[in-house]
Amino acid sequence: MGVIGMSYEEVISKANGMSSDVEAYMGNLKVIYDKLEEARGMWKGVDNNAFTNQVIASKPKLVSIGQSIEEHATFLRKDASDRMRLQNDIAGQAKSKLGE
């Protein structure tokens, strides 16, 4: 059986990728909702109102998803950095003890 692993640097890189994806996601949400507001002003009618109201009602949840993913990416980056620093500190202390 093989071992699955990832270095701390890889975790940080993946977390940075997640943040980039979240940035794109949030940008796309802005474009969608800007276009929706634009369409709302041009197209009046019961069907459009029902559609736009439904889509607008989902915006807070969609924004929350992006924020949650970004919070997770931030946690991954911080945790990997902290563990990498701790591992380096322990290795440094061990080397200095061996040198005594």
PDB file of N, CA and C in Angstrom:
ATOM      1  N   MET A   1       0.845  -1.178   0.000  1.00  0.00           N
ATOM      2  CA  MET A   1       0.000   0.000   0.000  1.00  0.00           C
ATOM      3  C   MET A   1       0.893   1.244   0.000  1.00  0.00           C
ATOM      4  N   GLY A   2       0.559   2.230  -0.815  1.00  0.00           N
ATOM      5  CA  GLY A   2       1.332   3.461  -0.912  1.00  0.00           C
ATOM      6  C   GLY A   2       0.970   4.450   0.173  1.00  0.00           C
ATOM      7  N   VAL A   3       1.816   5.435   0.301  1.00  0.00           N
ATOM      8  CA  VAL A   3       1.593   6.500   1.274  1.00  0.00           C
ATOM      9  C   VAL A   3       1.206   7.755   0.517  1.00  0.00           C
ATOM     10  N   ILE A   4       0.157   8.380   0.980  1.00  0.00           N
ATOM     11  CA  ILE A   4      -0.279   9.636   0.373  1.00  0.00           C
ATOM     12  C   ILE A   4       0.197  10.754   1.276  1.00  0.00           C
ATOM     13  N   GLY A   5       0.844  11.728   0.711  1.00  0.00           N
ATOM     14  CA  GLY A   5       1.346  12.826   1.518  1.00  0.00           C
ATOM     15  C   GLY A   5       1.438  14.106   0.723  1.00  0.00           C
ATOM     16  N   MET A   6       1.670  15.168   1.452  1.00  0.00           N
ATOM     17  CA  MET A   6       1.796  16.473   0.833  1.00  0.00           C
ATOM     18  C   MET A   6       2.708  17.301   1.732  1.00  0.00           C
ATOM     19  N   SER A   7       3.612  18.029   1.134  1.00  0.00           N
ATOM     20  CA  SER A   7       4.502  18.884   1.921  1.00  0.00           C
ATOM     21  C   SER A   7       3.735  20.128   2.380  1.00  0.00           C
ATOM     22  N   TYR A   8       4.304  20.791   3.377  1.00  0.00           N
ATOM     23  CA  TYR A   8       3.685  22.029   3.862  1.00  0.00           C
ATOM     24  C   TYR A   8       3.641  23.076   2.747  1.00  0.00           C
ATOM     25  N   GLU A   9       4.693  23.101   1.924  1.00  0.00           N
ATOM     26  CA  GLU A   9       4.720  24.052   0.808  1.00  0.00           C
ATOM     27  C   GLU A   9       3.590  23.767  -0.177  1.00  0.00           C
ATOM     28  N   GLU A  10       3.311  22.472  -0.406  1.00  0.00           N
ATOM     29  CA  GLU A  10       2.214  22.108  -1.310  1.00  0.00           C
ATOM     30  C   GLU A  10       0.860  22.531  -0.728  1.00  0.00           C
ATOM     31  N   VAL A  11       0.696  22.377   0.573  1.00  0.00           N
ATOM     32  CA  VAL A  11      -0.548  22.803   1.231  1.00  0.00           C
ATOM     33  C   VAL A  11      -0.727  24.302   1.050  1.00  0.00           C
ATOM     34  N   ILE A  12       0.342  25.055   1.282  1.00  0.00           N
ATOM     35  CA  ILE A  12       0.268  26.516   1.126  1.00  0.00           C
ATOM     36  C   ILE A  12      -0.051  26.880  -0.321  1.00  0.00           C
ATOM     37  N   SER A  13       0.575  26.194  -1.261  1.00  0.00           N
ATOM     38  CA  SER A  13       0.312  26.449  -2.675  1.00  0.00           C
ATOM     39  C   SER A  13      -1.151  26.159  -3.032  1.00  0.00           C
ATOM     40  N   LYS A  14      -1.667  25.036  -2.540  1.00  0.00           N
ATOM     41  CA  LYS A  14      -3.069  24.687  -2.812  1.00  0.00           C
ATOM     42  C   LYS A  14      -4.006  25.711  -2.173  1.00  0.00           C
ATOM     43  N   ALA A  15      -3.677  26.158  -0.967  1.00  0.00           N
ATOM     44  CA  ALA A  15      -4.501  27.170  -0.303  1.00  0.00           C
ATOM     45  C   ALA A  15      -4.475  28.480  -1.088  1.00  0.00           C
ATOM     46  N   ASN A  16      -3.309  28.841  -1.625  1.00  0.00           N
ATOM     47  CA  ASN A  16      -3.219  30.044  -2.465  1.00  0.00           C
ATOM     48  C   ASN A  16      -4.075  29.886  -3.715  1.00  0.00           C
ATOM     49  N   GLY A  17      -4.078  28.678  -4.289  1.00  0.00           N
ATOM     50  CA  GLY A  17      -4.933  28.405  -5.446  1.00  0.00           C
ATOM     51  C   GLY A  17      -6.405  28.537  -5.098  1.00  0.00           C
ATOM     52  N   MET A  18      -6.762  28.049  -3.906  1.00  0.00           N
ATOM     53  CA  MET A  18      -8.152  28.190  -3.458  1.00  0.00           C
ATOM     54  C   MET A  18      -8.526  29.670  -3.364  1.00  0.00           C
ATOM     55  N   SER A  19      -7.622  30.480  -2.811  1.00  0.00           N
ATOM     56  CA  SER A  19      -7.898  31.917  -2.682  1.00  0.00           C
ATOM     57  C   SER A  19      -8.076  32.568  -4.050  1.00  0.00           C
ATOM     58  N   SER A  20      -7.253  32.172  -5.014  1.00  0.00           N
ATOM     59  CA  SER A  20      -7.396  32.701  -6.382  1.00  0.00           C
ATOM     60  C   SER A  20      -8.742  32.306  -6.974  1.00  0.00           C
ATOM     61  N   ASP A  21      -9.135  31.054  -6.732  1.00  0.00           N
ATOM     62  CA  ASP A  21     -10.431  30.588  -7.232  1.00  0.00           C
ATOM     63  C   ASP A  21     -11.580  31.345  -6.579  1.00  0.00           C
ATOM     64  N   VAL A  22     -11.457  31.611  -5.287  1.00  0.00           N
ATOM     65  CA  VAL A  22     -12.500  32.365  -4.576  1.00  0.00           C
ATOM     66  C   VAL A  22     -12.591  33.782  -5.135  1.00  0.00           C
ATOM     67  N   GLU A  23     -11.433  34.374  -5.411  1.00  0.00           N
ATOM     68  CA  GLU A  23     -11.421  35.731  -5.981  1.00  0.00           C
ATOM     69  C   GLU A  23     -12.159  35.747  -7.327  1.00  0.00           C
ATOM     70  N   ALA A  24     -11.895  34.753  -8.154  1.00  0.00           N
ATOM     71  CA  ALA A  24     -12.580  34.658  -9.449  1.00  0.00           C
ATOM     72  C   ALA A  24     -14.079  34.416  -9.244  1.00  0.00           C
ATOM     73  N   TYR A  25     -14.419  33.538  -8.321  1.00  0.00           N
ATOM     74  CA  TYR A  25     -15.825  33.233  -8.011  1.00  0.00           C
ATOM     75  C   TYR A  25     -16.564  34.496  -7.574  1.00  0.00           C
ATOM     76  N   MET A  26     -15.961  35.243  -6.647  1.00  0.00           N
ATOM     77  CA  MET A  26     -16.610  36.459  -6.151  1.00  0.00           C
ATOM     78  C   MET A  26     -16.730  37.505  -7.266  1.00  0.00           C
ATOM     79  N   GLY A  27     -15.714  37.579  -8.119  1.00  0.00           N
ATOM     80  CA  GLY A  27     -15.786  38.490  -9.267  1.00  0.00           C
ATOM     81  C   GLY A  27     -16.901  38.109 -10.225  1.00  0.00           C
ATOM     82  N   ASN A  28     -17.050  36.808 -10.462  1.00  0.00           N
ATOM     83  CA  ASN A  28     -18.131  36.338 -11.329  1.00  0.00           C
ATOM     84  C   ASN A  28     -19.498  36.618 -10.710  1.00  0.00           C
ATOM     85  N   LEU A  29     -19.606  36.439  -9.398  1.00  0.00           N
ATOM     86  CA  LEU A  29     -20.878  36.775  -8.735  1.00  0.00           C
ATOM     87  C   LEU A  29     -21.219  38.243  -8.933  1.00  0.00           C
ATOM     88  N   LYS A  30     -20.209  39.104  -8.790  1.00  0.00           N
ATOM     89  CA  LYS A  30     -20.453  40.540  -8.972  1.00  0.00           C
ATOM     90  C   LYS A  30     -20.953  40.822 -10.384  1.00  0.00           C
ATOM     91  N   VAL A  31     -20.302  40.220 -11.380  1.00  0.00           N
ATOM     92  CA  VAL A  31     -20.718  40.427 -12.775  1.00  0.00           C
ATOM     93  C   VAL A  31     -22.160  39.949 -12.969  1.00  0.00           C
ATOM     94  N   ILE A  32     -22.478  38.780 -12.435  1.00  0.00           N
ATOM     95  CA  ILE A  32     -23.834  38.231 -12.582  1.00  0.00           C
ATOM     96  C   ILE A  32     -24.867  39.158 -11.958  1.00  0.00           C
ATOM     97  N   TYR A  33     -24.599  39.603 -10.744  1.00  0.00           N
ATOM     98  CA  TYR A  33     -25.585  40.443 -10.069  1.00  0.00           C
ATOM     99  C   TYR A  33     -25.652  41.846 -10.667  1.00  0.00           C
ATOM    100  N   ASP A  34     -24.544  42.357 -11.193  1.00  0.00           N
ATOM    101  CA  ASP A  34     -24.585  43.641 -11.912  1.00  0.00           C
ATOM    102  C   ASP A  34     -25.447  43.516 -13.175  1.00  0.00           C
ATOM    103  N   LYS A  35     -25.262  42.412 -13.909  1.00  0.00           N
ATOM    104  CA  LYS A  35     -26.051  42.187 -15.130  1.00  0.00           C
ATOM    105  C   LYS A  35     -27.524  41.982 -14.781  1.00  0.00           C
ATOM    106  N   LEU A  36     -27.764  41.315 -13.689  1.00  0.00           N
ATOM    107  CA  LEU A  36     -29.136  41.088 -13.253  1.00  0.00           C
ATOM    108  C   LEU A  36     -29.833  42.417 -12.938  1.00  0.00           C
ATOM    109  N   GLU A  37     -29.127  43.296 -12.257  1.00  0.00           N
ATOM    110  CA  GLU A  37     -29.694  44.618 -11.955  1.00  0.00           C
ATOM    111  C   GLU A  37     -29.920  45.417 -13.241  1.00  0.00           C
ATOM    112  N   GLU A  38     -28.999  45.277 -14.175  1.00  0.00           N
ATOM    113  CA  GLU A  38     -29.134  45.944 -15.470  1.00  0.00           C
ATOM    114  C   GLU A  38     -30.373  45.426 -16.206  1.00  0.00           C
ATOM    115  N   ALA A  39     -30.547  44.116 -16.220  1.00  0.00           N
ATOM    116  CA  ALA A  39     -31.702  43.508 -16.884  1.00  0.00           C
ATOM    117  C   ALA A  39     -32.995  43.891 -16.174  1.00  0.00           C
ATOM    118  N   ARG A  40     -32.936  43.991 -14.869  1.00  0.00           N
ATOM    119  CA  ARG A  40     -34.133  44.349 -14.090  1.00  0.00           C
ATOM    120  C   ARG A  40     -34.668  45.709 -14.525  1.00  0.00           C
ATOM    121  N   GLY A  41     -33.743  46.621 -14.842  1.00  0.00           N
ATOM    122  CA  GLY A  41     -34.163  47.948 -15.275  1.00  0.00           C
ATOM    123  C   GLY A  41     -34.729  47.976 -16.681  1.00  0.00           C
ATOM    124  N   MET A  42     -34.333  47.026 -17.522  1.00  0.00           N
ATOM    125  CA  MET A  42     -34.780  47.015 -18.912  1.00  0.00           C
ATOM    126  C   MET A  42     -36.019  46.151 -19.140  1.00  0.00           C
ATOM    127  N   TRP A  43     -36.163  45.116 -18.392  1.00  0.00           N
ATOM    128  CA  TRP A  43     -37.218  44.136 -18.646  1.00  0.00           C
ATOM    129  C   TRP A  43     -38.174  44.116 -17.474  1.00  0.00           C
ATOM    130  N   LYS A  44     -39.318  44.708 -17.669  1.00  0.00           N
ATOM    131  CA  LYS A  44     -40.341  44.770 -16.626  1.00  0.00           C
ATOM    132  C   LYS A  44     -41.362  43.674 -16.881  1.00  0.00           C
ATOM    133  N   GLY A  45     -41.819  43.073 -15.841  1.00  0.00           N
ATOM    134  CA  GLY A  45     -42.838  42.048 -15.988  1.00  0.00           C
ATOM    135  C   GLY A  45     -42.828  41.090 -14.809  1.00  0.00           C
ATOM    136  N   VAL A  46     -43.952  40.421 -14.634  1.00  0.00           N
ATOM    137  CA  VAL A  46     -44.112  39.504 -13.511  1.00  0.00           C
ATOM    138  C   VAL A  46     -43.083  38.383 -13.572  1.00  0.00           C
ATOM    139  N   ASP A  47     -42.862  37.841 -14.775  1.00  0.00           N
ATOM    140  CA  ASP A  47     -41.911  36.728 -14.896  1.00  0.00           C
ATOM    141  C   ASP A  47     -40.484  37.157 -14.562  1.00  0.00           C
ATOM    142  N   ASN A  48     -40.082  38.338 -15.031  1.00  0.00           N
ATOM    143  CA  ASN A  48     -38.738  38.822 -14.726  1.00  0.00           C
ATOM    144  C   ASN A  48     -38.604  39.140 -13.242  1.00  0.00           C
ATOM    145  N   ASN A  49     -39.621  39.755 -12.660  1.00  0.00           N
ATOM    146  CA  ASN A  49     -39.571  40.071 -11.227  1.00  0.00           C
ATOM    147  C   ASN A  49     -39.428  38.803 -10.394  1.00  0.00           C
ATOM    148  N   ALA A  50     -40.167  37.787 -10.745  1.00  0.00           N
ATOM    149  CA  ALA A  50     -40.091  36.520 -10.006  1.00  0.00           C
ATOM    150  C   ALA A  50     -38.684  35.928 -10.138  1.00  0.00           C
ATOM    151  N   PHE A  51     -38.153  35.942 -11.355  1.00  0.00           N
ATOM    152  CA  PHE A  51     -36.807  35.403 -11.584  1.00  0.00           C
ATOM    153  C   PHE A  51     -35.751  36.192 -10.818  1.00  0.00           C
ATOM    154  N   THR A  52     -35.741  37.507 -10.993  1.00  0.00           N
ATOM    155  CA  THR A  52     -34.707  38.325 -10.348  1.00  0.00           C
ATOM    156  C   THR A  52     -34.820  38.265  -8.828  1.00  0.00           C
ATOM    157  N   ASN A  53     -36.032  38.261  -8.305  1.00  0.00           N
ATOM    158  CA  ASN A  53     -36.198  38.168  -6.848  1.00  0.00           C
ATOM    159  C   ASN A  53     -35.634  36.854  -6.311  1.00  0.00           C
ATOM    160  N   GLN A  54     -35.872  35.772  -7.049  1.00  0.00           N
ATOM    161  CA  GLN A  54     -35.357  34.460  -6.632  1.00  0.00           C
ATOM    162  C   GLN A  54     -33.832  34.441  -6.651  1.00  0.00           C
ATOM    163  N   VAL A  55     -33.250  34.970  -7.710  1.00  0.00           N
ATOM    164  CA  VAL A  55     -31.790  34.968  -7.831  1.00  0.00           C
ATOM    165  C   VAL A  55     -31.172  35.895  -6.789  1.00  0.00           C
ATOM    166  N   ILE A  56     -31.750  37.062  -6.598  1.00  0.00           N
ATOM    167  CA  ILE A  56     -31.229  38.005  -5.609  1.00  0.00           C
ATOM    168  C   ILE A  56     -31.322  37.430  -4.202  1.00  0.00           C
ATOM    169  N   ALA A  57     -32.357  36.673  -3.929  1.00  0.00           N
ATOM    170  CA  ALA A  57     -32.520  36.067  -2.601  1.00  0.00           C
ATOM    171  C   ALA A  57     -31.399  35.070  -2.296  1.00  0.00           C
ATOM    172  N   SER A  58     -30.806  34.483  -3.319  1.00  0.00           N
ATOM    173  CA  SER A  58     -29.741  33.501  -3.098  1.00  0.00           C
ATOM    174  C   SER A  58     -28.360  34.136  -2.964  1.00  0.00           C
ATOM    175  N   LYS A  59     -28.234  35.427  -3.223  1.00  0.00           N
ATOM    176  CA  LYS A  59     -26.918  36.079  -3.201  1.00  0.00           C
ATOM    177  C   LYS A  59     -26.205  35.947  -1.854  1.00  0.00           C
ATOM    178  N   PRO A  60     -26.844  36.208  -0.725  1.00  0.00           N
ATOM    179  CA  PRO A  60     -26.116  36.081   0.549  1.00  0.00           C
ATOM    180  C   PRO A  60     -25.533  34.685   0.775  1.00  0.00           C
ATOM    181  N   LYS A  61     -26.262  33.664   0.386  1.00  0.00           N
ATOM    182  CA  LYS A  61     -25.760  32.299   0.555  1.00  0.00           C
ATOM    183  C   LYS A  61     -24.559  32.045  -0.352  1.00  0.00           C
ATOM    184  N   LEU A  62     -24.627  32.538  -1.584  1.00  0.00           N
ATOM    185  CA  LEU A  62     -23.515  32.352  -2.521  1.00  0.00           C
ATOM    186  C   LEU A  62     -22.270  33.106  -2.062  1.00  0.00           C
ATOM    187  N   VAL A  63     -22.452  34.302  -1.540  1.00  0.00           N
ATOM    188  CA  VAL A  63     -21.326  35.078  -1.009  1.00  0.00           C
ATOM    189  C   VAL A  63     -20.739  34.364   0.210  1.00  0.00           C
ATOM    190  N   SER A  64     -21.601  33.833   1.055  1.00  0.00           N
ATOM    191  CA  SER A  64     -21.163  33.111   2.245  1.00  0.00           C
ATOM    192  C   SER A  64     -20.317  31.890   1.889  1.00  0.00           C
ATOM    193  N   ILE A  65     -20.672  31.207   0.816  1.00  0.00           N
ATOM    194  CA  ILE A  65     -19.886  30.054   0.367  1.00  0.00           C
ATOM    195  C   ILE A  65     -18.458  30.496   0.029  1.00  0.00           C
ATOM    196  N   GLY A  66     -18.342  31.577  -0.717  1.00  0.00           N
ATOM    197  CA  GLY A  66     -17.018  32.100  -1.066  1.00  0.00           C
ATOM    198  C   GLY A  66     -16.230  32.499   0.163  1.00  0.00           C
ATOM    199  N   GLN A  67     -16.891  33.154   1.115  1.00  0.00           N
ATOM    200  CA  GLN A  67     -16.208  33.572   2.336  1.00  0.00           C
ATOM    201  C   GLN A  67     -15.750  32.364   3.154  1.00  0.00           C
ATOM    202  N   SER A  68     -16.575  31.329   3.210  1.00  0.00           N
ATOM    203  CA  SER A  68     -16.214  30.121   3.963  1.00  0.00           C
ATOM    204  C   SER A  68     -15.006  29.425   3.341  1.00  0.00           C
ATOM    205  N   ILE A  69     -14.970  29.348   2.028  1.00  0.00           N
ATOM    206  CA  ILE A  69     -13.836  28.720   1.351  1.00  0.00           C
ATOM    207  C   ILE A  69     -12.567  29.534   1.599  1.00  0.00           C
ATOM    208  N   GLU A  70     -12.680  30.852   1.557  1.00  0.00           N
ATOM    209  CA  GLU A  70     -11.511  31.699   1.818  1.00  0.00           C
ATOM    210  C   GLU A  70     -11.036  31.536   3.260  1.00  0.00           C
ATOM    211  N   GLU A  71     -11.945  31.424   4.205  1.00  0.00           N
ATOM    212  CA  GLU A  71     -11.562  31.194   5.600  1.00  0.00           C
ATOM    213  C   GLU A  71     -10.820  29.862   5.730  1.00  0.00           C
ATOM    214  N   HIS A  72     -11.268  28.853   5.014  1.00  0.00           N
ATOM    215  CA  HIS A  72     -10.602  27.547   5.046  1.00  0.00           C
ATOM    216  C   HIS A  72      -9.204  27.647   4.437  1.00  0.00           C
ATOM    217  N   ALA A  73      -9.066  28.357   3.336  1.00  0.00           N
ATOM    218  CA  ALA A  73      -7.755  28.541   2.703  1.00  0.00           C
ATOM    219  C   ALA A  73      -6.808  29.272   3.660  1.00  0.00           C
ATOM    220  N   THR A  74      -7.311  30.282   4.337  1.00  0.00           N
ATOM    221  CA  THR A  74      -6.504  31.026   5.308  1.00  0.00           C
ATOM    222  C   THR A  74      -6.048  30.101   6.438  1.00  0.00           C
ATOM    223  N   PHE A  75      -6.960  29.268   6.934  1.00  0.00           N
ATOM    224  CA  PHE A  75      -6.602  28.311   7.978  1.00  0.00           C
ATOM    225  C   PHE A  75      -5.510  27.358   7.495  1.00  0.00           C
ATOM    226  N   LEU A  76      -5.679  26.810   6.286  1.00  0.00           N
ATOM    227  CA  LEU A  76      -4.687  25.872   5.749  1.00  0.00           C
ATOM    228  C   LEU A  76      -3.312  26.520   5.633  1.00  0.00           C
ATOM    229  N   ARG A  77      -3.278  27.762   5.117  1.00  0.00           N
ATOM    230  CA  ARG A  77      -2.005  28.482   4.975  1.00  0.00           C
ATOM    231  C   ARG A  77      -1.339  28.692   6.332  1.00  0.00           C
ATOM    232  N   LYS A  78      -2.117  29.170   7.298  1.00  0.00           N
ATOM    233  CA  LYS A  78      -1.565  29.457   8.631  1.00  0.00           C
ATOM    234  C   LYS A  78      -1.117  28.176   9.312  1.00  0.00           C
ATOM    235  N   ASP A  79      -1.927  27.141   9.257  1.00  0.00           N
ATOM    236  CA  ASP A  79      -1.581  25.890   9.917  1.00  0.00           C
ATOM    237  C   ASP A  79      -0.317  25.287   9.301  1.00  0.00           C
ATOM    238  N   ALA A  80      -0.235  25.258   7.989  1.00  0.00           N
ATOM    239  CA  ALA A  80       0.950  24.705   7.324  1.00  0.00           C
ATOM    240  C   ALA A  80       2.189  25.528   7.660  1.00  0.00           C
ATOM    241  N   SER A  81       2.066  26.848   7.663  1.00  0.00           N
ATOM    242  CA  SER A  81       3.203  27.715   8.006  1.00  0.00           C
ATOM    243  C   SER A  81       3.644  27.494   9.449  1.00  0.00           C
ATOM    244  N   ASP A  82       2.678  27.420  10.358  1.00  0.00           N
ATOM    245  CA  ASP A  82       3.003  27.196  11.778  1.00  0.00           C
ATOM    246  C   ASP A  82       3.692  25.850  11.974  1.00  0.00           C
ATOM    247  N   ARG A  83       3.175  24.815  11.328  1.00  0.00           N
ATOM    248  CA  ARG A  83       3.769  23.476  11.471  1.00  0.00           C
ATOM    249  C   ARG A  83       5.163  23.421  10.836  1.00  0.00           C
ATOM    250  N   MET A  84       5.346  24.093   9.726  1.00  0.00           N
ATOM    251  CA  MET A  84       6.643  24.124   9.074  1.00  0.00           C
ATOM    252  C   MET A  84       7.658  24.838   9.982  1.00  0.00           C
ATOM    253  N   ARG A  85       7.240  25.954  10.563  1.00  0.00           N
ATOM    254  CA  ARG A  85       8.110  26.711  11.467  1.00  0.00           C
ATOM    255  C   ARG A  85       8.456  25.862  12.699  1.00  0.00           C
ATOM    256  N   LEU A  86       7.454  25.180  13.263  1.00  0.00           N
ATOM    257  CA  LEU A  86       7.682  24.330  14.425  1.00  0.00           C
ATOM    258  C   LEU A  86       8.650  23.190  14.092  1.00  0.00           C
ATOM    259  N   GLN A  87       8.432  22.555  12.949  1.00  0.00           N
ATOM    260  CA  GLN A  87       9.307  21.468  12.539  1.00  0.00           C
ATOM    261  C   GLN A  87      10.744  21.967  12.358  1.00  0.00           C
ATOM    262  N   ASN A  88      10.895  23.139  11.758  1.00  0.00           N
ATOM    263  CA  ASN A  88      12.235  23.713  11.571  1.00  0.00           C
ATOM    264  C   ASN A  88      12.870  24.063  12.913  1.00  0.00           C
ATOM    265  N   ASP A  89      12.090  24.584  13.846  1.00  0.00           N
ATOM    266  CA  ASP A  89      12.602  24.900  15.187  1.00  0.00           C
ATOM    267  C   ASP A  89      13.077  23.638  15.900  1.00  0.00           C
ATOM    268  N   ILE A  90      12.280  22.583  15.823  1.00  0.00           N
ATOM    269  CA  ILE A  90      12.647  21.316  16.470  1.00  0.00           C
ATOM    270  C   ILE A  90      13.916  20.750  15.844  1.00  0.00           C
ATOM    271  N   ALA A  91      13.995  20.786  14.517  1.00  0.00           N
ATOM    272  CA  ALA A  91      15.190  20.284  13.827  1.00  0.00           C
ATOM    273  C   ALA A  91      16.410  21.110  14.213  1.00  0.00           C
ATOM    274  N   GLY A  92      16.240  22.413  14.301  1.00  0.00           N
ATOM    275  CA  GLY A  92      17.350  23.296  14.695  1.00  0.00           C
ATOM    276  C   GLY A  92      17.814  23.032  16.108  1.00  0.00           C
ATOM    277  N   GLN A  93      16.864  22.829  17.020  1.00  0.00           N
ATOM    278  CA  GLN A  93      17.217  22.526  18.405  1.00  0.00           C
ATOM    279  C   GLN A  93      17.921  21.176  18.498  1.00  0.00           C
ATOM    280  N   ALA A  94      17.443  20.189  17.737  1.00  0.00           N
ATOM    281  CA  ALA A  94      18.079  18.882  17.753  1.00  0.00           C
ATOM    282  C   ALA A  94      19.509  18.961  17.248  1.00  0.00           C
ATOM    283  N   LYS A  95      19.733  19.732  16.196  1.00  0.00           N
ATOM    284  CA  LYS A  95      21.089  19.898  15.662  1.00  0.00           C
ATOM    285  C   LYS A  95      21.996  20.561  16.690  1.00  0.00           C
ATOM    286  N   SER A  96      21.476  21.585  17.365  1.00  0.00           N
ATOM    287  CA  SER A  96      22.309  22.270  18.354  1.00  0.00           C
ATOM    288  C   SER A  96      22.612  21.373  19.543  1.00  0.00           C
ATOM    289  N   LYS A  97      21.680  20.498  19.935  1.00  0.00           N
ATOM    290  CA  LYS A  97      21.917  19.558  21.034  1.00  0.00           C
ATOM    291  C   LYS A  97      22.972  18.531  20.637  1.00  0.00           C
ATOM    292  N   LEU A  98      22.933  18.082  19.378  1.00  0.00           N
ATOM    293  CA  LEU A  98      23.906  17.104  18.908  1.00  0.00           C
ATOM    294  C   LEU A  98      25.297  17.723  18.824  1.00  0.00           C
ATOM    295  N   GLY A  99      25.354  19.015  18.585  1.00  0.00           N
ATOM    296  CA  GLY A  99      26.633  19.715  18.460  1.00  0.00           C
ATOM    297  C   GLY A  99      27.289  20.001  19.790  1.00  0.00           C
ATOM    298  N   GLU A 100      26.567  19.864  20.889  1.00  0.00           N
ATOM    299  CA  GLU A 100      27.129  20.171  22.219  1.00  0.00           C
ATOM    300  C   GLU A 100      28.134  19.151  22.657  1.00  0.00           C
TER     301      GLU A 100
END
